């Protein structure tokens, strides 16, 4: 499978721009996305009933909160979120950030739980 970014439309998720490279492929074991996190954007606290999440910071900086513990991450840093663990992230910087995300097994919105 080859997926070209130019063939995709980003998903606007509360200010985050998500490019889901595996959308529409129900037969894949994992799913892959690139997330653009503009300044002041955040992902609300959530947890997954199904998927482990692997976040690689490609550019910029974000603050991850994993089970209530904040960590500032920069380009090249990595955050693993096991299913069932609460997490959130935000960009409090003046520059945008880009994240590479893998869900294993693949992402299903019905298995995501948002807190609050």
PDB file of N, CA and C in Angstrom:
ATOM      1  N   UNK A   1       0.854  -1.172   0.000  1.00  0.00           N
ATOM      2  CA  UNK A   1       0.000   0.000   0.000  1.00  0.00           C
ATOM      3  C   UNK A   1       0.900   1.235   0.000  1.00  0.00           C
ATOM      4  N   UNK A   2       0.605   2.159  -0.858  1.00  0.00           N
ATOM      5  CA  UNK A   2       1.272   3.463  -0.909  1.00  0.00           C
ATOM      6  C   UNK A   2       0.193   4.505  -0.656  1.00  0.00           C
ATOM      7  N   UNK A   3       0.454   5.425   0.257  1.00  0.00           N
ATOM      8  CA  UNK A   3      -0.487   6.507   0.534  1.00  0.00           C
ATOM      9  C   UNK A   3       0.285   7.819   0.394  1.00  0.00           C
ATOM     10  N   UNK A   4      -0.177   8.675  -0.464  1.00  0.00           N
ATOM     11  CA  UNK A   4       0.468   9.971  -0.670  1.00  0.00           C
ATOM     12  C   UNK A   4      -0.286  11.044   0.105  1.00  0.00           C
ATOM     13  N   UNK A   5       0.474  11.862   0.805  1.00  0.00           N
ATOM     14  CA  UNK A   5      -0.148  12.893   1.635  1.00  0.00           C
ATOM     15  C   UNK A   5      -1.077  13.790   0.828  1.00  0.00           C
ATOM     16  N   UNK A   6      -0.714  14.066  -0.409  1.00  0.00           N
ATOM     17  CA  UNK A   6      -1.543  14.928  -1.248  1.00  0.00           C
ATOM     18  C   UNK A   6      -2.926  14.366  -1.533  1.00  0.00           C
ATOM     19  N   UNK A   7      -3.093  13.067  -1.312  1.00  0.00           N
ATOM     20  CA  UNK A   7      -4.401  12.450  -1.557  1.00  0.00           C
ATOM     21  C   UNK A   7      -5.290  12.479  -0.311  1.00  0.00           C
ATOM     22  N   UNK A   8      -4.767  13.017   0.775  1.00  0.00           N
ATOM     23  CA  UNK A   8      -5.491  12.972   2.047  1.00  0.00           C
ATOM     24  C   UNK A   8      -6.070  14.324   2.422  1.00  0.00           C
ATOM     25  N   UNK A   9      -7.157  14.305   3.171  1.00  0.00           N
ATOM     26  CA  UNK A   9      -7.707  15.508   3.796  1.00  0.00           C
ATOM     27  C   UNK A   9      -7.513  15.363   5.296  1.00  0.00           C
ATOM     28  N   UNK A  10      -6.967  16.388   5.936  1.00  0.00           N
ATOM     29  CA  UNK A  10      -6.773  16.269   7.385  1.00  0.00           C
ATOM     30  C   UNK A  10      -8.102  16.279   8.128  1.00  0.00           C
ATOM     31  N   UNK A  11      -8.105  15.610   9.260  1.00  0.00           N
ATOM     32  CA  UNK A  11      -9.247  15.613  10.174  1.00  0.00           C
ATOM     33  C   UNK A  11      -8.984  16.700  11.204  1.00  0.00           C
ATOM     34  N   UNK A  12      -9.938  17.606  11.391  1.00  0.00           N
ATOM     35  CA  UNK A  12      -9.804  18.619  12.435  1.00  0.00           C
ATOM     36  C   UNK A  12     -10.371  18.026  13.716  1.00  0.00           C
ATOM     37  N   UNK A  13      -9.508  17.863  14.715  1.00  0.00           N
ATOM     38  CA  UNK A  13      -9.926  17.279  15.990  1.00  0.00           C
ATOM     39  C   UNK A  13      -9.594  18.285  17.093  1.00  0.00           C
ATOM     40  N   UNK A  14     -10.537  19.181  17.356  1.00  0.00           N
ATOM     41  CA  UNK A  14     -10.368  20.207  18.387  1.00  0.00           C
ATOM     42  C   UNK A  14      -9.089  21.014  18.195  1.00  0.00           C
ATOM     43  N   UNK A  15      -8.823  21.410  16.959  1.00  0.00           N
ATOM     44  CA  UNK A  15      -7.651  22.224  16.671  1.00  0.00           C
ATOM     45  C   UNK A  15      -6.429  21.439  16.231  1.00  0.00           C
ATOM     46  N   UNK A  16      -6.415  20.142  16.465  1.00  0.00           N
ATOM     47  CA  UNK A  16      -5.336  19.288  15.965  1.00  0.00           C
ATOM     48  C   UNK A  16      -5.658  18.924  14.519  1.00  0.00           C
ATOM     49  N   UNK A  17      -4.632  18.860  13.663  1.00  0.00           N
ATOM     50  CA  UNK A  17      -4.832  18.404  12.280  1.00  0.00           C
ATOM     51  C   UNK A  17      -4.249  17.005  12.180  1.00  0.00           C
ATOM     52  N   UNK A  18      -5.126  16.024  11.923  1.00  0.00           N
ATOM     53  CA  UNK A  18      -4.707  14.621  11.912  1.00  0.00           C
ATOM     54  C   UNK A  18      -4.780  14.084  10.489  1.00  0.00           C
ATOM     55  N   UNK A  19      -3.654  13.545  10.036  1.00  0.00           N
ATOM     56  CA  UNK A  19      -3.575  12.874   8.750  1.00  0.00           C
ATOM     57  C   UNK A  19      -3.522  11.382   9.046  1.00  0.00           C
ATOM     58  N   UNK A  20      -4.643  10.692   8.855  1.00  0.00           N
ATOM     59  CA  UNK A  20      -4.754   9.266   9.159  1.00  0.00           C
ATOM     60  C   UNK A  20      -4.403   8.472   7.901  1.00  0.00           C
ATOM     61  N   UNK A  21      -3.195   7.934   7.867  1.00  0.00           N
ATOM     62  CA  UNK A  21      -2.694   7.245   6.686  1.00  0.00           C
ATOM     63  C   UNK A  21      -3.341   5.884   6.462  1.00  0.00           C
ATOM     64  N   UNK A  22      -4.021   5.355   7.446  1.00  0.00           N
ATOM     65  CA  UNK A  22      -4.628   4.033   7.296  1.00  0.00           C
ATOM     66  C   UNK A  22      -6.150   4.088   7.344  1.00  0.00           C
ATOM     67  N   UNK A  23      -6.724   5.271   7.254  1.00  0.00           N
ATOM     68  CA  UNK A  23      -8.186   5.407   7.266  1.00  0.00           C
ATOM     69  C   UNK A  23      -8.782   4.632   6.105  1.00  0.00           C
ATOM     70  N   UNK A  24      -9.829   3.892   6.398  1.00  0.00           N
ATOM     71  CA  UNK A  24     -10.511   3.134   5.363  1.00  0.00           C
ATOM     72  C   UNK A  24      -9.937   1.754   5.115  1.00  0.00           C
ATOM     73  N   UNK A  25      -8.831   1.428   5.765  1.00  0.00           N
ATOM     74  CA  UNK A  25      -8.237   0.095   5.629  1.00  0.00           C
ATOM     75  C   UNK A  25      -8.574  -0.704   6.879  1.00  0.00           C
ATOM     76  N   UNK A  26      -9.639  -1.458   6.839  1.00  0.00           N
ATOM     77  CA  UNK A  26     -10.098  -2.201   8.008  1.00  0.00           C
ATOM     78  C   UNK A  26      -9.293  -3.454   8.278  1.00  0.00           C
ATOM     79  N   UNK A  27      -8.478  -3.887   7.335  1.00  0.00           N
ATOM     80  CA  UNK A  27      -7.755  -5.145   7.487  1.00  0.00           C
ATOM     81  C   UNK A  27      -6.309  -4.973   7.970  1.00  0.00           C
ATOM     82  N   UNK A  28      -5.967  -3.796   8.505  1.00  0.00           N
ATOM     83  CA  UNK A  28      -4.608  -3.575   8.993  1.00  0.00           C
ATOM     84  C   UNK A  28      -4.542  -3.829  10.502  1.00  0.00           C
ATOM     85  N   UNK A  29      -3.418  -4.349  10.961  1.00  0.00           N
ATOM     86  CA  UNK A  29      -3.233  -4.646  12.384  1.00  0.00           C
ATOM     87  C   UNK A  29      -2.959  -3.389  13.210  1.00  0.00           C
ATOM     88  N   UNK A  30      -2.258  -2.432  12.614  1.00  0.00           N
ATOM     89  CA  UNK A  30      -1.923  -1.175  13.280  1.00  0.00           C
ATOM     90  C   UNK A  30      -2.388  -0.027  12.404  1.00  0.00           C
ATOM     91  N   UNK A  31      -2.495   1.164  12.996  1.00  0.00           N
ATOM     92  CA  UNK A  31      -2.828   2.341  12.208  1.00  0.00           C
ATOM     93  C   UNK A  31      -1.774   3.414  12.449  1.00  0.00           C
ATOM     94  N   UNK A  32      -1.620   4.286  11.460  1.00  0.00           N
ATOM     95  CA  UNK A  32      -0.571   5.293  11.474  1.00  0.00           C
ATOM     96  C   UNK A  32      -1.178   6.656  11.162  1.00  0.00           C
ATOM     97  N   UNK A  33      -0.736   7.675  11.898  1.00  0.00           N
ATOM     98  CA  UNK A  33      -1.205   9.039  11.655  1.00  0.00           C
ATOM     99  C   UNK A  33      -0.074  10.024  11.920  1.00  0.00           C
ATOM    100  N   UNK A  34      -0.171  11.168  11.282  1.00  0.00           N
ATOM    101  CA  UNK A  34       0.682  12.312  11.573  1.00  0.00           C
ATOM    102  C   UNK A  34      -0.239  13.387  12.125  1.00  0.00           C
ATOM    103  N   UNK A  35       0.172  13.990  13.239  1.00  0.00           N
ATOM    104  CA  UNK A  35      -0.664  14.981  13.916  1.00  0.00           C
ATOM    105  C   UNK A  35       0.084  16.304  13.971  1.00  0.00           C
ATOM    106  N   UNK A  36      -0.534  17.343  13.429  1.00  0.00           N
ATOM    107  CA  UNK A  36       0.012  18.688  13.542  1.00  0.00           C
ATOM    108  C   UNK A  36      -0.653  19.358  14.735  1.00  0.00           C
ATOM    109  N   UNK A  37       0.185  19.852  15.651  1.00  0.00           N
ATOM    110  CA  UNK A  37      -0.301  20.450  16.895  1.00  0.00           C
ATOM    111  C   UNK A  37       0.090  21.928  16.893  1.00  0.00           C
ATOM    112  N   UNK A  38      -0.824  22.817  16.499  1.00  0.00           N
ATOM    113  CA  UNK A  38      -0.483  24.236  16.477  1.00  0.00           C
ATOM    114  C   UNK A  38      -0.317  24.799  17.887  1.00  0.00           C
ATOM    115  N   UNK A  39       0.270  25.985  18.005  1.00  0.00           N
ATOM    116  CA  UNK A  39       0.371  26.617  19.317  1.00  0.00           C
ATOM    117  C   UNK A  39      -0.997  26.717  19.988  1.00  0.00           C
ATOM    118  N   UNK A  40      -1.028  26.467  21.272  1.00  0.00           N
ATOM    119  CA  UNK A  40      -2.230  26.521  22.126  1.00  0.00           C
ATOM    120  C   UNK A  40      -3.188  25.350  21.925  1.00  0.00           C
ATOM    121  N   UNK A  41      -2.898  24.428  21.015  1.00  0.00           N
ATOM    122  CA  UNK A  41      -3.779  23.271  20.817  1.00  0.00           C
ATOM    123  C   UNK A  41      -3.484  22.202  21.859  1.00  0.00           C
ATOM    124  N   UNK A  42      -4.505  21.384  22.144  1.00  0.00           N
ATOM    125  CA  UNK A  42      -4.312  20.312  23.121  1.00  0.00           C
ATOM    126  C   UNK A  42      -5.216  19.136  22.797  1.00  0.00           C
ATOM    127  N   UNK A  43      -4.770  17.981  23.233  1.00  0.00           N
ATOM    128  CA  UNK A  43      -5.578  16.760  23.173  1.00  0.00           C
ATOM    129  C   UNK A  43      -6.114  16.548  24.577  1.00  0.00           C
ATOM    130  N   UNK A  44      -7.412  16.509  24.712  1.00  0.00           N
ATOM    131  CA  UNK A  44      -8.036  16.348  26.033  1.00  0.00           C
ATOM    132  C   UNK A  44      -7.615  15.026  26.669  1.00  0.00           C
ATOM    133  N   UNK A  45      -7.723  14.963  27.985  1.00  0.00           N
ATOM    134  CA  UNK A  45      -7.390  13.728  28.688  1.00  0.00           C
ATOM    135  C   UNK A  45      -8.274  12.590  28.178  1.00  0.00           C
ATOM    136  N   UNK A  46      -7.635  11.461  27.911  1.00  0.00           N
ATOM    137  CA  UNK A  46      -8.346  10.322  27.329  1.00  0.00           C
ATOM    138  C   UNK A  46      -7.610   9.036  27.672  1.00  0.00           C
ATOM    139  N   UNK A  47      -8.219   7.921  27.310  1.00  0.00           N
ATOM    140  CA  UNK A  47      -7.565   6.610  27.397  1.00  0.00           C
ATOM    141  C   UNK A  47      -8.247   5.681  26.408  1.00  0.00           C
ATOM    142  N   UNK A  48      -7.540   4.642  26.025  1.00  0.00           N
ATOM    143  CA  UNK A  48      -8.059   3.699  25.036  1.00  0.00           C
ATOM    144  C   UNK A  48      -8.357   2.359  25.693  1.00  0.00           C
ATOM    145  N   UNK A  49      -9.503   1.804  25.353  1.00  0.00           N
ATOM    146  CA  UNK A  49      -9.854   0.458  25.818  1.00  0.00           C
ATOM    147  C   UNK A  49      -9.158  -0.607  24.980  1.00  0.00           C
ATOM    148  N   UNK A  50      -8.605  -0.217  23.822  1.00  0.00           N
ATOM    149  CA  UNK A  50      -8.130  -1.187  22.841  1.00  0.00           C
ATOM    150  C   UNK A  50      -6.649  -1.060  22.487  1.00  0.00           C
ATOM    151  N   UNK A  51      -6.203   0.144  22.172  1.00  0.00           N
ATOM    152  CA  UNK A  51      -4.916   0.322  21.498  1.00  0.00           C
ATOM    153  C   UNK A  51      -3.813   0.872  22.388  1.00  0.00           C
ATOM    154  N   UNK A  52      -2.614   0.329  22.207  1.00  0.00           N
ATOM    155  CA  UNK A  52      -1.407   0.982  22.702  1.00  0.00           C
ATOM    156  C   UNK A  52      -1.079   2.076  21.703  1.00  0.00           C
ATOM    157  N   UNK A  53      -0.500   3.185  22.195  1.00  0.00           N
ATOM    158  CA  UNK A  53      -0.184   4.332  21.339  1.00  0.00           C
ATOM    159  C   UNK A  53       1.308   4.616  21.427  1.00  0.00           C
ATOM    160  N   UNK A  54       1.909   4.836  20.279  1.00  0.00           N
ATOM    161  CA  UNK A  54       3.337   5.125  20.177  1.00  0.00           C
ATOM    162  C   UNK A  54       3.486   6.496  19.529  1.00  0.00           C
ATOM    163  N   UNK A  55       3.907   7.500  20.303  1.00  0.00           N
ATOM    164  CA  UNK A  55       4.062   8.865  19.803  1.00  0.00           C
ATOM    165  C   UNK A  55       5.542   9.198  19.655  1.00  0.00           C
ATOM    166  N   UNK A  56       5.943   9.645  18.472  1.00  0.00           N
ATOM    167  CA  UNK A  56       7.279  10.162  18.243  1.00  0.00           C
ATOM    168  C   UNK A  56       7.139  11.634  17.901  1.00  0.00           C
ATOM    169  N   UNK A  57       7.869  12.489  18.614  1.00  0.00           N
ATOM    170  CA  UNK A  57       7.829  13.914  18.333  1.00  0.00           C
ATOM    171  C   UNK A  57       8.759  14.160  17.142  1.00  0.00           C
ATOM    172  N   UNK A  58       8.190  14.600  16.034  1.00  0.00           N
ATOM    173  CA  UNK A  58       8.965  14.830  14.810  1.00  0.00           C
ATOM    174  C   UNK A  58       9.572  16.229  14.812  1.00  0.00           C
ATOM    175  N   UNK A  59       8.790  17.214  15.223  1.00  0.00           N
ATOM    176  CA  UNK A  59       9.289  18.588  15.299  1.00  0.00           C
ATOM    177  C   UNK A  59       8.538  19.342  16.382  1.00  0.00           C
ATOM    178  N   UNK A  60       9.161  20.397  16.881  1.00  0.00           N
ATOM    179  CA  UNK A  60       8.550  21.217  17.917  1.00  0.00           C
ATOM    180  C   UNK A  60       8.634  20.577  19.290  1.00  0.00           C
ATOM    181  N   UNK A  61       7.796  21.081  20.186  1.00  0.00           N
ATOM    182  CA  UNK A  61       7.760  20.599  21.566  1.00  0.00           C
ATOM    183  C   UNK A  61       6.315  20.470  22.032  1.00  0.00           C
ATOM    184  N   UNK A  62       6.049  19.470  22.849  1.00  0.00           N
ATOM    185  CA  UNK A  62       4.735  19.268  23.449  1.00  0.00           C
ATOM    186  C   UNK A  62       4.911  18.862  24.903  1.00  0.00           C
ATOM    187  N   UNK A  63       3.879  19.098  25.665  1.00  0.00           N
ATOM    188  CA  UNK A  63       3.837  18.616  27.053  1.00  0.00           C
ATOM    189  C   UNK A  63       2.867  17.446  27.093  1.00  0.00           C
ATOM    190  N   UNK A  64       3.387  16.267  27.423  1.00  0.00           N
ATOM    191  CA  UNK A  64       2.562  15.072  27.615  1.00  0.00           C
ATOM    192  C   UNK A  64       2.273  14.938  29.095  1.00  0.00           C
ATOM    193  N   UNK A  65       1.054  14.536  29.414  1.00  0.00           N
ATOM    194  CA  UNK A  65       0.695  14.177  30.784  1.00  0.00           C
ATOM    195  C   UNK A  65       0.248  12.725  30.722  1.00  0.00           C
ATOM    196  N   UNK A  66       1.009  11.865  31.386  1.00  0.00           N
ATOM    197  CA  UNK A  66       0.747  10.426  31.373  1.00  0.00           C
ATOM    198  C   UNK A  66       0.452   9.993  32.799  1.00  0.00           C
ATOM    199  N   UNK A  67      -0.789   9.558  33.040  1.00  0.00           N
ATOM    200  CA  UNK A  67      -1.235   9.194  34.389  1.00  0.00           C
ATOM    201  C   UNK A  67      -0.959  10.305  35.398  1.00  0.00           C
ATOM    202  N   UNK A  68      -1.206  11.561  34.971  1.00  0.00           N
ATOM    203  CA  UNK A  68      -1.068  12.713  35.858  1.00  0.00           C
ATOM    204  C   UNK A  68       0.327  13.275  35.973  1.00  0.00           C
ATOM    205  N   UNK A  69       1.312  12.671  35.338  1.00  0.00           N
ATOM    206  CA  UNK A  69       2.706  13.127  35.435  1.00  0.00           C
ATOM    207  C   UNK A  69       3.086  13.859  34.145  1.00  0.00           C
ATOM    208  N   UNK A  70       3.385  15.181  34.227  1.00  0.00           N
ATOM    209  CA  UNK A  70       3.740  15.933  33.029  1.00  0.00           C
ATOM    210  C   UNK A  70       5.202  15.719  32.633  1.00  0.00           C
ATOM    211  N   UNK A  71       5.440  15.731  31.315  1.00  0.00           N
ATOM    212  CA  UNK A  71       6.798  15.653  30.767  1.00  0.00           C
ATOM    213  C   UNK A  71       6.849  16.511  29.518  1.00  0.00           C
ATOM    214  N   UNK A  72       7.870  17.353  29.417  1.00  0.00           N
ATOM    215  CA  UNK A  72       8.072  18.157  28.216  1.00  0.00           C
ATOM    216  C   UNK A  72       8.922  17.357  27.244  1.00  0.00           C
ATOM    217  N   UNK A  73       8.405  17.180  26.013  1.00  0.00           N
ATOM    218  CA  UNK A  73       9.086  16.389  25.000  1.00  0.00           C
ATOM    219  C   UNK A  73       9.394  17.254  23.792  1.00  0.00           C
ATOM    220  N   UNK A  74      10.544  16.986  23.164  1.00  0.00           N
ATOM    221  CA  UNK A  74      10.987  17.736  21.987  1.00  0.00           C
ATOM    222  C   UNK A  74      11.268  16.767  20.853  1.00  0.00           C
ATOM    223  N   UNK A  75      11.585  17.314  19.687  1.00  0.00           N
ATOM    224  CA  UNK A  75      11.851  16.509  18.490  1.00  0.00           C
ATOM    225  C   UNK A  75      12.823  15.384  18.813  1.00  0.00           C
ATOM    226  N   UNK A  76      12.445  14.175  18.405  1.00  0.00           N
ATOM    227  CA  UNK A  76      13.251  12.984  18.653  1.00  0.00           C
ATOM    228  C   UNK A  76      12.849  12.221  19.895  1.00  0.00           C
ATOM    229  N   UNK A  77      12.067  12.842  20.782  1.00  0.00           N
ATOM    230  CA  UNK A  77      11.603  12.160  21.990  1.00  0.00           C
ATOM    231  C   UNK A  77      10.399  11.278  21.657  1.00  0.00           C
ATOM    232  N   UNK A  78      10.117  10.336  22.540  1.00  0.00           N
ATOM    233  CA  UNK A  78       9.111   9.303  22.296  1.00  0.00           C
ATOM    234  C   UNK A  78       8.268   9.113  23.551  1.00  0.00           C
ATOM    235  N   UNK A  79       6.981   8.842  23.366  1.00  0.00           N
ATOM    236  CA  UNK A  79       6.079   8.540  24.481  1.00  0.00           C
ATOM    237  C   UNK A  79       5.244   7.310  24.123  1.00  0.00           C
ATOM    238  N   UNK A  80       5.303   6.294  24.971  1.00  0.00           N
ATOM    239  CA  UNK A  80       4.501   5.086  24.814  1.00  0.00           C
ATOM    240  C   UNK A  80       3.346   5.158  25.794  1.00  0.00           C
ATOM    241  N   UNK A  81       2.119   5.000  25.296  1.00  0.00           N
ATOM    242  CA  UNK A  81       0.920   5.036  26.127  1.00  0.00           C
ATOM    243  C   UNK A  81       0.232   3.686  25.997  1.00  0.00           C
ATOM    244  N   UNK A  82       0.352   2.868  27.022  1.00  0.00           N
ATOM    245  CA  UNK A  82      -0.304   1.556  27.011  1.00  0.00           C
ATOM    246  C   UNK A  82      -1.814   1.740  27.143  1.00  0.00           C
ATOM    247  N   UNK A  83      -2.589   0.880  26.479  1.00  0.00           N
ATOM    248  CA  UNK A  83      -4.045   1.001  26.565  1.00  0.00           C
ATOM    249  C   UNK A  83      -4.468   0.957  28.039  1.00  0.00           C
ATOM    250  N   UNK A  84      -5.467   1.757  28.356  1.00  0.00           N
ATOM    251  CA  UNK A  84      -5.946   1.851  29.734  1.00  0.00           C
ATOM    252  C   UNK A  84      -5.296   2.964  30.540  1.00  0.00           C
ATOM    253  N   UNK A  85      -4.193   3.537  30.060  1.00  0.00           N
ATOM    254  CA  UNK A  85      -3.518   4.626  30.785  1.00  0.00           C
ATOM    255  C   UNK A  85      -4.027   5.970  30.281  1.00  0.00           C
ATOM    256  N   UNK A  86      -4.255   6.870  31.208  1.00  0.00           N
ATOM    257  CA  UNK A  86      -4.752   8.204  30.858  1.00  0.00           C
ATOM    258  C   UNK A  86      -3.607   9.071  30.356  1.00  0.00           C
ATOM    259  N   UNK A  87      -3.923   9.871  29.333  1.00  0.00           N
ATOM    260  CA  UNK A  87      -2.921  10.759  28.763  1.00  0.00           C
ATOM    261  C   UNK A  87      -3.592  12.007  28.208  1.00  0.00           C
ATOM    262  N   UNK A  88      -2.807  13.035  28.021  1.00  0.00           N
ATOM    263  CA  UNK A  88      -3.189  14.229  27.278  1.00  0.00           C
ATOM    264  C   UNK A  88      -1.893  14.853  26.789  1.00  0.00           C
ATOM    265  N   UNK A  89      -2.013  15.783  25.860  1.00  0.00           N
ATOM    266  CA  UNK A  89      -0.831  16.543  25.458  1.00  0.00           C
ATOM    267  C   UNK A  89      -1.265  17.905  24.956  1.00  0.00           C
ATOM    268  N   UNK A  90      -0.324  18.848  24.991  1.00  0.00           N
ATOM    269  CA  UNK A  90      -0.613  20.215  24.575  1.00  0.00           C
ATOM    270  C   UNK A  90       0.655  20.861  24.030  1.00  0.00           C
ATOM    271  N   UNK A  91       0.440  21.895  23.244  1.00  0.00           N
ATOM    272  CA  UNK A  91       1.545  22.689  22.728  1.00  0.00           C
ATOM    273  C   UNK A  91       1.421  24.083  23.319  1.00  0.00           C
ATOM    274  N   UNK A  92       2.264  24.383  24.287  1.00  0.00           N
ATOM    275  CA  UNK A  92       2.245  25.686  24.943  1.00  0.00           C
ATOM    276  C   UNK A  92       3.313  26.615  24.380  1.00  0.00           C
ATOM    277  N   UNK A  93       3.926  26.231  23.298  1.00  0.00           N
ATOM    278  CA  UNK A  93       4.991  27.013  22.660  1.00  0.00           C
ATOM    279  C   UNK A  93       4.424  27.896  21.543  1.00  0.00           C
ATOM    280  N   UNK A  94       5.258  28.773  21.014  1.00  0.00           N
ATOM    281  CA  UNK A  94       4.848  29.660  19.923  1.00  0.00           C
ATOM    282  C   UNK A  94       4.959  28.984  18.566  1.00  0.00           C
ATOM    283  N   UNK A  95       5.680  27.861  18.485  1.00  0.00           N
ATOM    284  CA  UNK A  95       5.881  27.151  17.224  1.00  0.00           C
ATOM    285  C   UNK A  95       5.024  25.887  17.182  1.00  0.00           C
ATOM    286  N   UNK A  96       4.564  25.487  15.999  1.00  0.00           N
ATOM    287  CA  UNK A  96       3.792  24.245  15.893  1.00  0.00           C
ATOM    288  C   UNK A  96       4.662  23.018  16.176  1.00  0.00           C
ATOM    289  N   UNK A  97       4.008  21.919  16.494  1.00  0.00           N
ATOM    290  CA  UNK A  97       4.685  20.636  16.704  1.00  0.00           C
ATOM    291  C   UNK A  97       4.048  19.605  15.774  1.00  0.00           C
ATOM    292  N   UNK A  98       4.829  18.584  15.423  1.00  0.00           N
ATOM    293  CA  UNK A  98       4.327  17.492  14.605  1.00  0.00           C
ATOM    294  C   UNK A  98       4.642  16.173  15.303  1.00  0.00           C
ATOM    295  N   UNK A  99       3.639  15.303  15.407  1.00  0.00           N
ATOM    296  CA  UNK A  99       3.779  14.007  16.056  1.00  0.00           C
ATOM    297  C   UNK A  99       3.498  12.900  15.043  1.00  0.00           C
ATOM    298  N   UNK A 100       4.220  11.809  15.169  1.00  0.00           N
ATOM    299  CA  UNK A 100       3.956  10.593  14.395  1.00  0.00           C
ATOM    300  C   UNK A 100       3.357   9.595  15.374  1.00  0.00           C
ATOM    301  N   UNK A 101       2.199   9.015  15.044  1.00  0.00           N
ATOM    302  CA  UNK A 101       1.458   8.153  15.968  1.00  0.00           C
ATOM    303  C   UNK A 101       1.160   6.804  15.329  1.00  0.00           C
ATOM    304  N   UNK A 102       1.419   5.742  16.090  1.00  0.00           N
ATOM    305  CA  UNK A 102       1.036   4.388  15.699  1.00  0.00           C
ATOM    306  C   UNK A 102       0.102   3.842  16.778  1.00  0.00           C
ATOM    307  N   UNK A 103      -1.038   3.291  16.360  1.00  0.00           N
ATOM    308  CA  UNK A 103      -1.962   2.568  17.257  1.00  0.00           C
ATOM    309  C   UNK A 103      -1.824   1.077  16.965  1.00  0.00           C
ATOM    310  N   UNK A 104      -1.679   0.280  18.018  1.00  0.00           N
ATOM    311  CA  UNK A 104      -1.664  -1.181  17.860  1.00  0.00           C
ATOM    312  C   UNK A 104      -2.506  -1.791  18.961  1.00  0.00           C
ATOM    313  N   UNK A 105      -3.566  -2.550  18.635  1.00  0.00           N
ATOM    314  CA  UNK A 105      -4.143  -2.727  17.305  1.00  0.00           C
ATOM    315  C   UNK A 105      -4.671  -1.409  16.756  1.00  0.00           C
ATOM    316  N   UNK A 106      -5.147  -1.420  15.541  1.00  0.00           N
ATOM    317  CA  UNK A 106      -5.525  -0.203  14.839  1.00  0.00           C
ATOM    318  C   UNK A 106      -6.590   0.605  15.592  1.00  0.00           C
ATOM    319  N   UNK A 107      -6.598   1.902  15.302  1.00  0.00           N
ATOM    320  CA  UNK A 107      -7.483   2.868  15.942  1.00  0.00           C
ATOM    321  C   UNK A 107      -8.946   2.590  15.613  1.00  0.00           C
ATOM    322  N   UNK A 108      -9.785   2.675  16.648  1.00  0.00           N
ATOM    323  CA  UNK A 108     -11.246   2.673  16.499  1.00  0.00           C
ATOM    324  C   UNK A 108     -11.796   3.697  17.481  1.00  0.00           C
ATOM    325  N   UNK A 109     -12.478   4.702  16.983  1.00  0.00           N
ATOM    326  CA  UNK A 109     -12.983   5.785  17.835  1.00  0.00           C
ATOM    327  C   UNK A 109     -13.891   5.262  18.946  1.00  0.00           C
ATOM    328  N   UNK A 110     -14.645   4.202  18.687  1.00  0.00           N
ATOM    329  CA  UNK A 110     -15.553   3.654  19.701  1.00  0.00           C
ATOM    330  C   UNK A 110     -14.811   3.129  20.934  1.00  0.00           C
ATOM    331  N   UNK A 111     -13.522   2.867  20.800  1.00  0.00           N
ATOM    332  CA  UNK A 111     -12.734   2.331  21.931  1.00  0.00           C
ATOM    333  C   UNK A 111     -11.944   3.416  22.661  1.00  0.00           C
ATOM    334  N   UNK A 112     -12.144   4.676  22.278  1.00  0.00           N
ATOM    335  CA  UNK A 112     -11.461   5.795  22.941  1.00  0.00           C
ATOM    336  C   UNK A 112     -12.410   6.405  23.964  1.00  0.00           C
ATOM    337  N   UNK A 113     -11.884   6.692  25.143  1.00  0.00           N
ATOM    338  CA  UNK A 113     -12.682   7.272  26.222  1.00  0.00           C
ATOM    339  C   UNK A 113     -12.088   8.632  26.561  1.00  0.00           C
ATOM    340  N   UNK A 114     -12.931   9.676  26.503  1.00  0.00           N
ATOM    341  CA  UNK A 114     -12.491  11.035  26.818  1.00  0.00           C
ATOM    342  C   UNK A 114     -13.004  11.405  28.201  1.00  0.00           C
ATOM    343  N   UNK A 115     -12.125  11.917  29.029  1.00  0.00           N
ATOM    344  CA  UNK A 115     -12.440  12.256  30.421  1.00  0.00           C
ATOM    345  C   UNK A 115     -13.037  13.648  30.461  1.00  0.00           C
ATOM    346  N   UNK A 116     -14.132  13.793  31.201  1.00  0.00           N
ATOM    347  CA  UNK A 116     -14.725  15.101  31.414  1.00  0.00           C
ATOM    348  C   UNK A 116     -15.620  15.558  30.406  1.00  0.00           C
TER     349      UNK A 116
END
